[in-house]
Amino acid sequence: MAKPGANLKINSDRLWDSIMEMAKIGPGVAGGNNRQTLTDADAEGRKLFQKWCEDAGLTMGVDTMGNMFMRREGTDPDALPVYVGSHLDTQPTGGKYDGVLGVLSGL
């Protein structure tokens, strides 16, 4: 059995590029972002995230409130699931990393 975390690798260039790509949607003050809930910018950010998930081979669902759920099947059917949650929308003066860093950490 591999040591915990032995297979954990983060592609830092891809992570940074993804954050910067999302930051182009809803530019805000002082280099931050403004992707408020239910705006066109929020919808555009959700669409981009959906594309990233589909490209990664994840299955997707959306509940009646608009929450997006992505799933990647594991290799051990007896293992418990791992849940990661965050948000893609921002406050009017949110920073570039507001929410998206947590979402991408799960992806």
N, C-alpha and C. Protein backbone atom coordinates (compact mmCIF):
# COMPACT_ATOMS: atom_id res chain seq x y z
N MET A 1 0.85 -1.18 0.00
CA MET A 1 0.00 0.00 0.00
C MET A 1 0.89 1.24 0.00
N ALA A 2 0.54 2.22 -0.81
CA ALA A 2 1.30 3.47 -0.88
C ALA A 2 1.07 4.29 0.38
N LYS A 3 2.04 5.09 0.73
CA LYS A 3 1.91 5.99 1.86
C LYS A 3 0.83 7.03 1.55
N PRO A 4 0.08 7.46 2.55
CA PRO A 4 -0.93 8.50 2.31
C PRO A 4 -0.28 9.73 1.66
N GLY A 5 -0.89 10.20 0.61
CA GLY A 5 -0.40 11.38 -0.08
C GLY A 5 0.67 11.09 -1.11
N ALA A 6 1.11 9.83 -1.23
CA ALA A 6 2.19 9.50 -2.17
C ALA A 6 1.79 9.78 -3.61
N ASN A 7 0.52 9.64 -3.92
CA ASN A 7 0.05 9.88 -5.29
C ASN A 7 -0.49 11.29 -5.49
N LEU A 8 -0.41 12.10 -4.46
CA LEU A 8 -0.94 13.45 -4.53
C LEU A 8 0.03 14.37 -5.26
N LYS A 9 -0.42 14.89 -6.38
CA LYS A 9 0.41 15.81 -7.16
C LYS A 9 -0.47 16.98 -7.58
N ILE A 10 0.06 18.17 -7.46
CA ILE A 10 -0.66 19.35 -7.89
C ILE A 10 0.11 19.96 -9.05
N ASN A 11 -0.58 20.16 -10.15
CA ASN A 11 0.02 20.81 -11.30
C ASN A 11 -0.13 22.31 -11.07
N SER A 12 0.90 22.92 -10.50
CA SER A 12 0.80 24.32 -10.09
C SER A 12 0.60 25.26 -11.27
N ASP A 13 1.20 24.95 -12.42
CA ASP A 13 1.00 25.80 -13.60
C ASP A 13 -0.45 25.76 -14.05
N ARG A 14 -1.04 24.56 -14.08
CA ARG A 14 -2.44 24.43 -14.49
C ARG A 14 -3.36 25.12 -13.49
N LEU A 15 -3.08 24.97 -12.19
CA LEU A 15 -3.89 25.62 -11.17
C LEU A 15 -3.85 27.13 -11.35
N TRP A 16 -2.66 27.68 -11.51
CA TRP A 16 -2.51 29.13 -11.68
C TRP A 16 -3.23 29.59 -12.95
N ASP A 17 -3.03 28.87 -14.06
CA ASP A 17 -3.69 29.25 -15.31
C ASP A 17 -5.21 29.21 -15.18
N SER A 18 -5.73 28.24 -14.46
CA SER A 18 -7.18 28.14 -14.25
C SER A 18 -7.70 29.31 -13.42
N ILE A 19 -6.97 29.65 -12.36
CA ILE A 19 -7.37 30.80 -11.54
C ILE A 19 -7.38 32.07 -12.38
N MET A 20 -6.35 32.26 -13.19
CA MET A 20 -6.27 33.46 -14.02
C MET A 20 -7.35 33.47 -15.11
N GLU A 21 -7.69 32.29 -15.64
CA GLU A 21 -8.76 32.22 -16.64
C GLU A 21 -10.10 32.58 -16.01
N MET A 22 -10.37 32.07 -14.81
CA MET A 22 -11.61 32.41 -14.13
C MET A 22 -11.63 33.89 -13.75
N ALA A 23 -10.47 34.45 -13.43
CA ALA A 23 -10.38 35.86 -13.02
C ALA A 23 -10.74 36.81 -14.15
N LYS A 24 -10.69 36.35 -15.39
CA LYS A 24 -11.09 37.19 -16.53
C LYS A 24 -12.59 37.41 -16.55
N ILE A 25 -13.33 36.55 -15.85
CA ILE A 25 -14.78 36.64 -15.83
C ILE A 25 -15.20 37.51 -14.65
N GLY A 26 -15.85 38.63 -14.94
CA GLY A 26 -16.30 39.52 -13.89
C GLY A 26 -15.18 40.28 -13.22
N PRO A 27 -14.34 40.96 -14.00
CA PRO A 27 -13.25 41.71 -13.37
C PRO A 27 -13.81 42.76 -12.42
N GLY A 28 -13.13 42.95 -11.31
CA GLY A 28 -13.58 43.89 -10.28
C GLY A 28 -12.54 44.95 -10.00
N VAL A 29 -12.68 45.59 -8.87
CA VAL A 29 -11.77 46.67 -8.49
C VAL A 29 -10.44 46.11 -8.00
N ALA A 30 -9.39 46.87 -8.22
CA ALA A 30 -8.05 46.57 -7.70
C ALA A 30 -7.58 45.16 -8.06
N GLY A 31 -7.95 44.69 -9.26
CA GLY A 31 -7.49 43.37 -9.70
C GLY A 31 -8.30 42.21 -9.16
N GLY A 32 -9.39 42.50 -8.46
CA GLY A 32 -10.22 41.44 -7.90
C GLY A 32 -11.29 41.00 -8.88
N ASN A 33 -12.36 40.42 -8.36
CA ASN A 33 -13.45 39.93 -9.19
C ASN A 33 -14.80 40.31 -8.64
N ASN A 34 -15.77 40.36 -9.55
CA ASN A 34 -17.15 40.64 -9.20
C ASN A 34 -18.04 39.68 -10.00
N ARG A 35 -18.23 38.48 -9.45
CA ARG A 35 -19.12 37.48 -10.05
C ARG A 35 -20.24 37.20 -9.05
N GLN A 36 -21.12 38.16 -8.88
CA GLN A 36 -22.20 37.99 -7.91
C GLN A 36 -23.19 36.92 -8.37
N THR A 37 -23.80 36.27 -7.41
CA THR A 37 -24.75 35.19 -7.67
C THR A 37 -25.84 35.63 -8.63
N LEU A 38 -26.16 34.75 -9.57
CA LEU A 38 -27.26 34.90 -10.53
C LEU A 38 -27.02 35.99 -11.57
N THR A 39 -25.79 36.46 -11.71
CA THR A 39 -25.46 37.42 -12.76
C THR A 39 -24.93 36.66 -13.98
N ASP A 40 -24.80 37.37 -15.09
CA ASP A 40 -24.22 36.75 -16.28
C ASP A 40 -22.80 36.27 -16.02
N ALA A 41 -22.04 37.03 -15.21
CA ALA A 41 -20.67 36.63 -14.88
C ALA A 41 -20.67 35.33 -14.07
N ASP A 42 -21.60 35.18 -13.16
CA ASP A 42 -21.72 33.95 -12.39
C ASP A 42 -22.03 32.77 -13.32
N ALA A 43 -22.96 32.96 -14.24
CA ALA A 43 -23.31 31.89 -15.19
C ALA A 43 -22.12 31.53 -16.07
N GLU A 44 -21.36 32.53 -16.49
CA GLU A 44 -20.18 32.27 -17.32
C GLU A 44 -19.12 31.50 -16.54
N GLY A 45 -18.92 31.86 -15.27
CA GLY A 45 -17.97 31.14 -14.43
C GLY A 45 -18.39 29.70 -14.21
N ARG A 46 -19.68 29.47 -14.00
CA ARG A 46 -20.20 28.11 -13.82
C ARG A 46 -20.00 27.28 -15.09
N LYS A 47 -20.24 27.91 -16.23
CA LYS A 47 -20.07 27.21 -17.51
C LYS A 47 -18.61 26.80 -17.71
N LEU A 48 -17.69 27.69 -17.37
CA LEU A 48 -16.26 27.37 -17.49
C LEU A 48 -15.89 26.23 -16.56
N PHE A 49 -16.38 26.28 -15.32
CA PHE A 49 -16.08 25.20 -14.37
C PHE A 49 -16.66 23.88 -14.86
N GLN A 50 -17.86 23.91 -15.42
CA GLN A 50 -18.47 22.69 -15.96
C GLN A 50 -17.59 22.11 -17.06
N LYS A 51 -17.06 22.96 -17.92
CA LYS A 51 -16.17 22.49 -18.99
C LYS A 51 -14.93 21.82 -18.41
N TRP A 52 -14.32 22.44 -17.41
CA TRP A 52 -13.14 21.85 -16.78
C TRP A 52 -13.47 20.47 -16.22
N CYS A 53 -14.62 20.35 -15.58
CA CYS A 53 -15.01 19.07 -14.98
C CYS A 53 -15.26 18.02 -16.05
N GLU A 54 -15.95 18.40 -17.11
CA GLU A 54 -16.20 17.46 -18.20
C GLU A 54 -14.88 17.03 -18.85
N ASP A 55 -13.96 17.98 -19.03
CA ASP A 55 -12.65 17.65 -19.60
C ASP A 55 -11.89 16.66 -18.71
N ALA A 56 -12.14 16.72 -17.40
CA ALA A 56 -11.48 15.82 -16.45
C ALA A 56 -12.21 14.49 -16.31
N GLY A 57 -13.33 14.34 -17.03
CA GLY A 57 -14.06 13.07 -17.00
C GLY A 57 -14.98 12.91 -15.80
N LEU A 58 -15.34 14.00 -15.14
CA LEU A 58 -16.24 13.92 -13.99
C LEU A 58 -17.69 13.93 -14.46
N THR A 59 -18.56 13.31 -13.67
CA THR A 59 -19.99 13.41 -13.93
C THR A 59 -20.52 14.60 -13.14
N MET A 60 -21.60 15.20 -13.63
CA MET A 60 -22.09 16.42 -13.01
C MET A 60 -23.58 16.36 -12.75
N GLY A 61 -24.00 16.99 -11.68
CA GLY A 61 -25.40 17.17 -11.37
C GLY A 61 -25.61 18.57 -10.82
N VAL A 62 -26.83 19.05 -10.94
CA VAL A 62 -27.19 20.37 -10.41
C VAL A 62 -28.50 20.20 -9.66
N ASP A 63 -28.55 20.72 -8.41
CA ASP A 63 -29.79 20.60 -7.65
C ASP A 63 -30.72 21.77 -7.96
N THR A 64 -31.89 21.79 -7.32
CA THR A 64 -32.90 22.82 -7.61
C THR A 64 -32.45 24.22 -7.22
N MET A 65 -31.45 24.33 -6.36
CA MET A 65 -30.94 25.64 -5.95
C MET A 65 -29.77 26.10 -6.84
N GLY A 66 -29.36 25.25 -7.77
CA GLY A 66 -28.27 25.61 -8.67
C GLY A 66 -26.90 25.17 -8.21
N ASN A 67 -26.84 24.44 -7.08
CA ASN A 67 -25.54 23.92 -6.63
C ASN A 67 -25.07 22.85 -7.60
N MET A 68 -23.79 22.92 -7.95
CA MET A 68 -23.20 21.97 -8.88
C MET A 68 -22.49 20.88 -8.09
N PHE A 69 -22.69 19.64 -8.51
CA PHE A 69 -22.05 18.50 -7.86
C PHE A 69 -21.28 17.72 -8.92
N MET A 70 -19.99 17.59 -8.72
CA MET A 70 -19.17 16.80 -9.63
C MET A 70 -18.73 15.54 -8.91
N ARG A 71 -18.55 14.48 -9.68
CA ARG A 71 -18.17 13.21 -9.06
C ARG A 71 -17.10 12.53 -9.90
N ARG A 72 -16.10 12.05 -9.20
CA ARG A 72 -15.07 11.22 -9.81
C ARG A 72 -15.08 9.90 -9.07
N GLU A 73 -15.32 8.84 -9.80
CA GLU A 73 -15.35 7.51 -9.19
C GLU A 73 -13.95 7.14 -8.71
N GLY A 74 -13.90 6.53 -7.56
CA GLY A 74 -12.63 6.06 -7.01
C GLY A 74 -12.30 4.67 -7.51
N THR A 75 -11.18 4.18 -7.08
CA THR A 75 -10.75 2.84 -7.49
C THR A 75 -11.15 1.78 -6.48
N ASP A 76 -11.55 2.19 -5.28
CA ASP A 76 -11.94 1.25 -4.22
C ASP A 76 -13.42 1.46 -3.91
N PRO A 77 -14.29 0.54 -4.34
CA PRO A 77 -15.72 0.73 -4.11
C PRO A 77 -16.12 0.71 -2.64
N ASP A 78 -15.26 0.23 -1.77
CA ASP A 78 -15.57 0.19 -0.34
C ASP A 78 -15.10 1.45 0.40
N ALA A 79 -14.34 2.29 -0.27
CA ALA A 79 -13.83 3.50 0.37
C ALA A 79 -14.95 4.53 0.55
N LEU A 80 -14.86 5.29 1.60
CA LEU A 80 -15.82 6.36 1.84
C LEU A 80 -15.54 7.53 0.90
N PRO A 81 -16.57 8.27 0.53
CA PRO A 81 -16.36 9.41 -0.37
C PRO A 81 -15.67 10.56 0.35
N VAL A 82 -15.06 11.41 -0.44
CA VAL A 82 -14.45 12.64 0.06
C VAL A 82 -15.23 13.80 -0.56
N TYR A 83 -15.63 14.74 0.26
CA TYR A 83 -16.39 15.89 -0.23
C TYR A 83 -15.55 17.15 -0.09
N VAL A 84 -15.60 17.99 -1.13
CA VAL A 84 -14.93 19.29 -1.10
C VAL A 84 -15.95 20.30 -1.58
N GLY A 85 -16.07 21.41 -0.89
CA GLY A 85 -17.05 22.41 -1.29
C GLY A 85 -16.51 23.81 -1.21
N SER A 86 -16.98 24.65 -2.10
CA SER A 86 -16.63 26.07 -2.10
C SER A 86 -17.64 26.78 -2.99
N HIS A 87 -17.28 27.92 -3.51
CA HIS A 87 -18.21 28.69 -4.35
C HIS A 87 -17.45 29.38 -5.47
N LEU A 88 -18.14 29.64 -6.58
CA LEU A 88 -17.55 30.34 -7.71
C LEU A 88 -17.97 31.80 -7.78
N ASP A 89 -19.09 32.13 -7.13
CA ASP A 89 -19.51 33.53 -7.12
C ASP A 89 -18.64 34.30 -6.13
N THR A 90 -18.68 35.62 -6.22
CA THR A 90 -17.88 36.46 -5.32
C THR A 90 -18.75 37.57 -4.74
N GLN A 91 -18.19 38.23 -3.77
CA GLN A 91 -18.76 39.49 -3.29
C GLN A 91 -18.41 40.56 -4.33
N PRO A 92 -19.05 41.73 -4.29
CA PRO A 92 -18.76 42.76 -5.29
C PRO A 92 -17.28 43.15 -5.35
N THR A 93 -16.59 43.03 -4.24
CA THR A 93 -15.16 43.38 -4.23
C THR A 93 -14.31 42.17 -3.86
N GLY A 94 -14.70 41.01 -4.35
CA GLY A 94 -13.97 39.78 -4.04
C GLY A 94 -12.60 39.75 -4.70
N GLY A 95 -11.71 39.02 -4.09
CA GLY A 95 -10.38 38.85 -4.66
C GLY A 95 -10.38 37.78 -5.74
N LYS A 96 -9.28 37.68 -6.48
CA LYS A 96 -9.16 36.69 -7.55
C LYS A 96 -9.32 35.27 -7.04
N TYR A 97 -8.98 35.04 -5.77
CA TYR A 97 -8.99 33.68 -5.23
C TYR A 97 -10.27 33.38 -4.45
N ASP A 98 -11.18 34.36 -4.36
CA ASP A 98 -12.41 34.21 -3.58
C ASP A 98 -13.24 33.06 -4.14
N GLY A 99 -13.24 31.95 -3.42
CA GLY A 99 -14.06 30.81 -3.81
C GLY A 99 -13.40 29.88 -4.80
N VAL A 100 -12.88 30.43 -5.88
CA VAL A 100 -12.36 29.59 -6.97
C VAL A 100 -11.18 28.73 -6.52
N LEU A 101 -10.37 29.20 -5.61
CA LEU A 101 -9.24 28.39 -5.16
C LEU A 101 -9.73 27.13 -4.46
N GLY A 102 -10.77 27.27 -3.64
CA GLY A 102 -11.34 26.10 -2.97
C GLY A 102 -11.98 25.13 -3.95
N VAL A 103 -12.67 25.67 -4.95
CA VAL A 103 -13.31 24.83 -5.96
C VAL A 103 -12.25 24.06 -6.74
N LEU A 104 -11.21 24.76 -7.17
CA LEU A 104 -10.16 24.12 -7.96
C LEU A 104 -9.34 23.14 -7.13
N SER A 105 -9.26 23.36 -5.84
CA SER A 105 -8.56 22.40 -4.98
C SER A 105 -9.25 21.05 -5.02
N GLY A 106 -10.56 21.05 -5.13
CA GLY A 106 -11.30 19.81 -5.24
C GLY A 106 -11.18 19.17 -6.61
N LEU A 107 -11.09 20.00 -7.62
CA LEU A 107 -10.98 19.49 -8.97
C LEU A 107 -9.63 18.87 -9.21
